[in-house]
Amino acid sequence: MGFIGGSLGYAALRAIGAPPSSENDHADADQDAKLERYFGPTLIDKLSGRTIIDFGCGDGLQAVTIARRVPDCRVIGLDIQPRFLERARARAARNDVSSRCRFASSTAERADVIISIDAFEHFEDPAGILAAMSDLLKPGGEVLVSFGPTWLHPYGGHLFSVFPWAHLVFTESALIRWRTHFRNDGATRFAEVEGGLNQIRIAEFEQLVEGSPLAIDWLETVPIRNLSFLRWKPLREFGTSIVRCRLVGREAVREKTRETGELAV
């Protein structure tokens, strides 16, 4: 994507793009409100006594929040970046939840609930992640996913959206070259930047779930504030701030279909 590149695109970005202070798009100290805002006020009660995996846990803010608020649960935070795992372990220690909240790059333990917030737009292989989630889910378990903004949103380029839809206006090469002035990690593509950026669209996510061992129980697209008409399917790719959904094993969906006579989506 993008149609302004080369020297012209690079010069334009240098003129208008101010380096961001951080690539952490989702820093949010108010995790208590965030979890319940995304998945409802009863979520915390549902986690009581459960084993929970926070898939793509980052620095552990969300996992530690869950462990702190649900004293009889166990939380496993998974992330591939060692520096985030170190920060997460330190956070758990500061909050006295290390005995029930651990962090690793992988696990063989299965969970009752898998939570993934603000991560699916960053996974290099989202299809592989869905398969991994299915393998880590206990029978009857659930996956709660929230992510966004998605790629066609005005700021779907995250760091690269120096103005609305800038990531669709400038070529990838021009944007990456601009980024080298304040990030020197050798990235040559969006997928290689710290944290990754996979350019996922809502329809693509739905297709990936359809081809996975999981199924959509429900999915909601949350539009840009005060623009509810953007829920309309032809417009949702351009106006969805957040996608949130509940995924379950396909057998659970078949059972629900037999009980209700219709598939819940």
Protein backbone atom coordinates (compact mmCIF):
# COMPACT_ATOMS: atom_id res chain seq x y z
CA MET A 1 0.00 0.00 0.00
CA GLY A 2 0.99 3.63 -0.30
CA PHE A 3 1.63 5.71 -3.39
CA ILE A 4 4.03 8.44 -2.27
CA GLY A 5 7.52 7.04 -1.91
CA GLY A 6 11.12 7.55 -2.87
CA SER A 7 12.86 10.82 -2.10
CA LEU A 8 9.60 12.78 -2.26
CA GLY A 9 7.84 10.62 0.34
CA TYR A 10 10.85 10.56 2.61
CA ALA A 11 11.31 14.34 2.45
CA ALA A 12 7.62 14.94 3.17
CA LEU A 13 7.73 12.66 6.21
CA ARG A 14 10.86 14.35 7.51
CA ALA A 15 9.09 17.68 7.20
CA ILE A 16 5.83 16.73 8.90
CA GLY A 17 6.57 13.74 11.12
CA ALA A 18 7.70 14.31 14.69
CA PRO A 19 9.36 11.27 16.30
CA PRO A 20 7.07 9.70 18.91
CA SER A 21 8.29 9.42 22.45
CA SER A 22 7.49 5.71 22.60
CA GLU A 23 6.34 2.81 20.44
CA ASN A 24 4.12 1.57 23.25
CA ASP A 25 0.80 2.41 21.61
CA HIS A 26 -1.27 0.91 24.37
CA ALA A 27 0.19 2.16 27.66
CA ASP A 28 -2.78 2.31 29.97
CA ALA A 29 -2.55 2.38 33.75
CA ASP A 30 -6.32 1.95 34.11
CA GLN A 31 -6.40 -1.78 33.39
CA ASP A 32 -9.21 -2.41 35.88
CA ALA A 33 -11.57 -0.24 33.86
CA LYS A 34 -10.13 -1.45 30.56
CA LEU A 35 -10.78 -5.16 31.15
CA GLU A 36 -14.34 -4.56 32.26
CA ARG A 37 -14.99 -2.01 29.53
CA TYR A 38 -13.98 -4.52 26.88
CA PHE A 39 -15.55 -7.68 28.27
CA GLY A 40 -18.21 -6.59 30.73
CA PRO A 41 -18.49 -5.95 34.49
CA THR A 42 -18.78 -9.68 35.31
CA LEU A 43 -15.40 -10.62 33.82
CA ILE A 44 -13.43 -10.44 37.07
CA ASP A 45 -15.95 -12.70 38.82
CA LYS A 46 -15.71 -15.20 35.95
CA LEU A 47 -11.95 -15.51 36.47
CA SER A 48 -12.24 -16.65 40.07
CA GLY A 49 -10.54 -20.01 40.58
CA ARG A 50 -9.39 -20.17 36.95
CA THR A 51 -6.08 -20.53 35.19
CA ILE A 52 -5.66 -17.59 32.83
CA ILE A 53 -3.13 -17.03 30.05
CA ASP A 54 -2.42 -13.46 29.00
CA PHE A 55 -1.23 -13.98 25.42
CA GLY A 56 1.07 -11.15 24.37
CA CYS A 57 1.37 -9.86 27.92
CA GLY A 58 3.96 -7.13 27.29
CA ASP A 59 5.29 -5.73 30.55
CA GLY A 60 2.70 -7.61 32.61
CA LEU A 61 0.42 -4.74 33.59
CA GLN A 62 -2.73 -6.58 32.65
CA ALA A 63 -1.67 -9.99 34.03
CA VAL A 64 -0.64 -8.49 37.37
CA THR A 65 -3.90 -6.53 37.54
CA ILE A 66 -5.85 -9.77 37.15
CA ALA A 67 -3.75 -11.59 39.76
CA ARG A 68 -4.16 -8.69 42.18
CA ARG A 69 -7.92 -8.46 41.75
CA VAL A 70 -8.65 -12.22 41.66
CA PRO A 71 -6.70 -13.72 44.59
CA ASP A 72 -7.68 -17.35 43.87
CA CYS A 73 -6.65 -17.43 40.19
CA ARG A 74 -3.39 -18.32 38.46
CA VAL A 75 -2.06 -16.17 35.62
CA ILE A 76 0.54 -17.02 33.00
CA GLY A 77 1.80 -14.14 30.91
CA LEU A 78 3.31 -15.05 27.53
CA ASP A 79 5.50 -12.80 25.41
CA ILE A 80 8.43 -13.31 23.04
CA GLN A 81 10.40 -10.22 24.13
CA PRO A 82 12.78 -10.96 27.03
CA ARG A 83 12.95 -7.32 28.16
CA PHE A 84 9.16 -7.25 28.59
CA LEU A 85 9.23 -10.50 30.55
CA GLU A 86 11.85 -9.06 32.90
CA ARG A 87 9.71 -6.00 33.53
CA ALA A 88 6.65 -8.18 34.05
CA ARG A 89 8.39 -10.33 36.67
CA ALA A 90 9.55 -7.22 38.50
CA ARG A 91 6.00 -5.84 38.42
CA ALA A 92 4.61 -9.09 39.84
CA ALA A 93 7.19 -9.00 42.64
CA ARG A 94 6.35 -5.39 43.51
CA ASN A 95 2.68 -6.35 43.78
CA ASP A 96 3.33 -9.55 45.80
CA VAL A 97 1.68 -11.83 43.24
CA SER A 98 4.74 -13.70 41.93
CA SER A 99 3.51 -16.98 43.44
CA ARG A 100 0.37 -16.87 41.28
CA CYS A 101 1.51 -14.83 38.31
CA ARG A 102 4.45 -16.04 36.24
CA PHE A 103 5.84 -14.98 32.91
CA ALA A 104 7.46 -16.99 30.13
CA SER A 105 7.97 -17.16 26.39
CA SER A 106 6.03 -20.44 26.20
CA THR A 107 4.04 -22.84 28.35
CA ALA A 108 2.63 -26.35 28.19
CA GLU A 109 -0.02 -25.58 30.81
CA ARG A 110 -3.57 -25.28 29.58
CA ALA A 111 -5.92 -22.49 30.58
CA ASP A 112 -9.59 -22.01 31.32
CA VAL A 113 -9.45 -18.50 29.84
CA ILE A 114 -7.02 -16.96 27.39
CA ILE A 115 -7.01 -13.17 27.17
CA SER A 116 -5.32 -11.18 24.42
CA ILE A 117 -5.61 -7.40 24.49
CA ASP A 118 -3.96 -4.98 22.06
CA ALA A 119 -1.84 -7.72 20.52
CA PHE A 120 -3.43 -9.28 17.43
CA GLU A 121 -2.42 -6.42 15.15
CA HIS A 122 1.20 -7.11 16.17
CA PHE A 123 1.50 -10.90 15.88
CA GLU A 124 3.74 -11.92 12.99
CA ASP A 125 1.71 -15.10 12.37
CA PRO A 126 -1.84 -14.53 13.62
CA ALA A 127 -3.03 -17.84 12.13
CA GLY A 128 -0.34 -19.66 14.08
CA ILE A 129 -1.32 -17.76 17.23
CA LEU A 130 -4.94 -18.91 16.90
CA ALA A 131 -3.77 -22.52 16.57
CA ALA A 132 -1.49 -22.11 19.60
CA MET A 133 -4.35 -20.64 21.62
CA SER A 134 -6.54 -23.61 20.73
CA ASP A 135 -3.82 -26.01 21.89
CA LEU A 136 -3.52 -24.18 25.22
CA LEU A 137 -7.25 -24.07 25.93
CA LYS A 138 -8.93 -26.54 28.26
CA PRO A 139 -12.13 -28.22 27.01
CA GLY A 140 -14.95 -25.72 27.45
CA GLY A 141 -12.53 -22.83 27.75
CA GLU A 142 -12.74 -19.45 26.05
CA VAL A 143 -10.51 -16.91 24.35
CA LEU A 144 -11.27 -13.21 24.88
CA VAL A 145 -9.66 -10.99 22.26
CA SER A 146 -9.59 -7.23 21.88
CA PHE A 147 -7.36 -5.36 19.45
CA GLY A 148 -7.18 -2.26 17.34
CA PRO A 149 -7.14 0.07 15.66
CA THR A 150 -7.08 -2.20 12.63
CA TRP A 151 -5.11 -1.40 9.51
CA LEU A 152 -7.60 0.74 7.57
CA HIS A 153 -8.52 2.92 10.55
CA PRO A 154 -7.17 6.50 10.26
CA TYR A 155 -4.49 5.62 12.80
CA GLY A 156 -4.20 1.93 11.96
CA GLY A 157 -0.52 2.42 11.17
CA HIS A 158 0.13 3.16 14.87
CA LEU A 159 3.61 4.73 14.90
CA PHE A 160 3.46 5.31 11.14
CA SER A 161 0.18 7.26 11.21
CA VAL A 162 1.75 10.69 11.57
CA PHE A 163 -1.59 12.01 10.30
CA PRO A 164 -4.81 10.13 9.49
CA TRP A 165 -4.18 7.36 6.92
CA ALA A 166 -0.53 8.40 6.46
CA HIS A 167 0.34 4.69 6.46
CA LEU A 168 -1.85 4.29 3.37
CA VAL A 169 -0.53 7.41 1.65
CA PHE A 170 3.21 6.78 1.95
CA THR A 171 4.98 3.62 0.83
CA GLU A 172 6.34 1.19 3.36
CA SER A 173 9.91 1.90 2.29
CA ALA A 174 9.49 5.68 2.78
CA LEU A 175 7.96 5.19 6.22
CA ILE A 176 10.63 2.74 7.30
CA ARG A 177 13.37 5.09 6.09
CA TRP A 178 11.78 7.94 8.08
CA ARG A 179 11.67 5.71 11.17
CA THR A 180 15.43 5.06 11.05
CA HIS A 181 16.03 8.59 12.32
CA PHE A 182 14.69 7.65 15.75
CA ARG A 183 14.71 3.82 15.82
CA ASN A 184 17.94 2.08 14.90
CA ASP A 185 16.95 -1.60 15.08
CA GLY A 186 17.50 -2.58 11.45
CA ALA A 187 13.81 -3.06 10.59
CA THR A 188 13.13 -3.03 6.85
CA ARG A 189 9.41 -3.85 6.92
CA PHE A 190 6.40 -3.06 9.11
CA ALA A 191 6.49 -6.63 10.41
CA GLU A 192 10.06 -6.18 11.66
CA VAL A 193 9.58 -3.10 13.84
CA GLU A 194 9.63 -3.56 17.58
CA GLY A 195 6.41 -5.31 18.51
CA GLY A 196 5.56 -5.95 14.86
CA LEU A 197 2.72 -4.62 12.74
CA ASN A 198 0.92 -7.15 10.55
CA GLN A 199 -1.56 -4.85 8.74
CA ILE A 200 -4.50 -7.04 9.75
CA ARG A 201 -8.01 -6.13 8.65
CA ILE A 202 -11.26 -7.18 10.33
CA ALA A 203 -12.34 -9.40 7.43
CA GLU A 204 -8.92 -11.03 7.43
CA PHE A 205 -9.17 -11.76 11.16
CA GLU A 206 -12.58 -13.37 10.63
CA GLN A 207 -11.18 -15.50 7.81
CA LEU A 208 -8.24 -16.59 9.94
CA VAL A 209 -10.58 -17.67 12.74
CA GLU A 210 -12.74 -19.52 10.22
CA GLY A 211 -9.68 -21.51 9.16
CA SER A 212 -8.58 -22.20 12.74
CA PRO A 213 -9.67 -24.76 15.36
CA LEU A 214 -11.55 -21.93 17.10
CA ALA A 215 -14.87 -20.31 16.23
CA ILE A 216 -16.42 -16.92 16.86
CA ASP A 217 -19.11 -17.03 19.54
CA TRP A 218 -19.60 -13.26 19.27
CA LEU A 219 -17.71 -10.41 17.67
CA GLU A 220 -18.27 -6.67 18.06
CA THR A 221 -16.67 -3.79 16.22
CA VAL A 222 -16.45 -0.57 18.21
CA PRO A 223 -16.48 2.47 15.92
CA ILE A 224 -14.71 5.77 16.28
CA ARG A 225 -16.42 7.68 19.07
CA ASN A 226 -19.77 9.26 18.17
CA LEU A 227 -19.73 7.72 14.68
CA SER A 228 -21.95 4.68 15.23
CA PHE A 229 -22.89 4.50 11.53
CA LEU A 230 -19.37 3.15 10.97
CA ARG A 231 -20.58 -0.17 12.36
CA TRP A 232 -22.12 -0.71 8.92
CA LYS A 233 -20.13 -3.54 7.37
CA PRO A 234 -18.98 -1.71 4.21
CA LEU A 235 -17.52 1.06 6.41
CA ARG A 236 -16.30 -0.83 9.45
CA GLU A 237 -12.77 -1.39 8.12
CA PHE A 238 -12.24 2.39 7.99
CA GLY A 239 -13.95 3.35 11.24
CA THR A 240 -13.36 0.57 13.78
CA SER A 241 -11.27 1.57 16.76
CA ILE A 242 -11.52 -1.78 18.54
CA VAL A 243 -12.48 -5.32 17.60
CA ARG A 244 -13.50 -7.48 20.52
CA CYS A 245 -14.73 -11.03 20.46
CA ARG A 246 -15.14 -14.31 22.27
CA LEU A 247 -13.69 -17.40 20.65
CA VAL A 248 -14.46 -20.96 21.68
CA GLY A 249 -13.75 -24.43 20.42
CA ARG A 250 -15.82 -25.46 17.44
CA GLU A 251 -17.52 -28.21 19.40
CA ALA A 252 -18.86 -25.62 21.85
CA VAL A 253 -20.36 -23.65 18.97
CA ARG A 254 -21.94 -26.80 17.51
CA GLU A 255 -23.44 -27.57 20.92
CA LYS A 256 -24.82 -24.03 21.20
CA THR A 257 -26.27 -24.36 17.71
CA ARG A 258 -28.04 -27.59 18.66
CA GLU A 259 -29.48 -25.92 21.77
CA THR A 260 -30.63 -22.66 20.18
CA GLY A 261 -31.15 -23.67 16.58
CA GLU A 262 -28.87 -20.92 15.29
CA LEU A 263 -25.17 -20.09 15.27
CA ALA A 264 -24.10 -17.28 17.56
CA VAL A 265 -21.67 -14.87 15.91
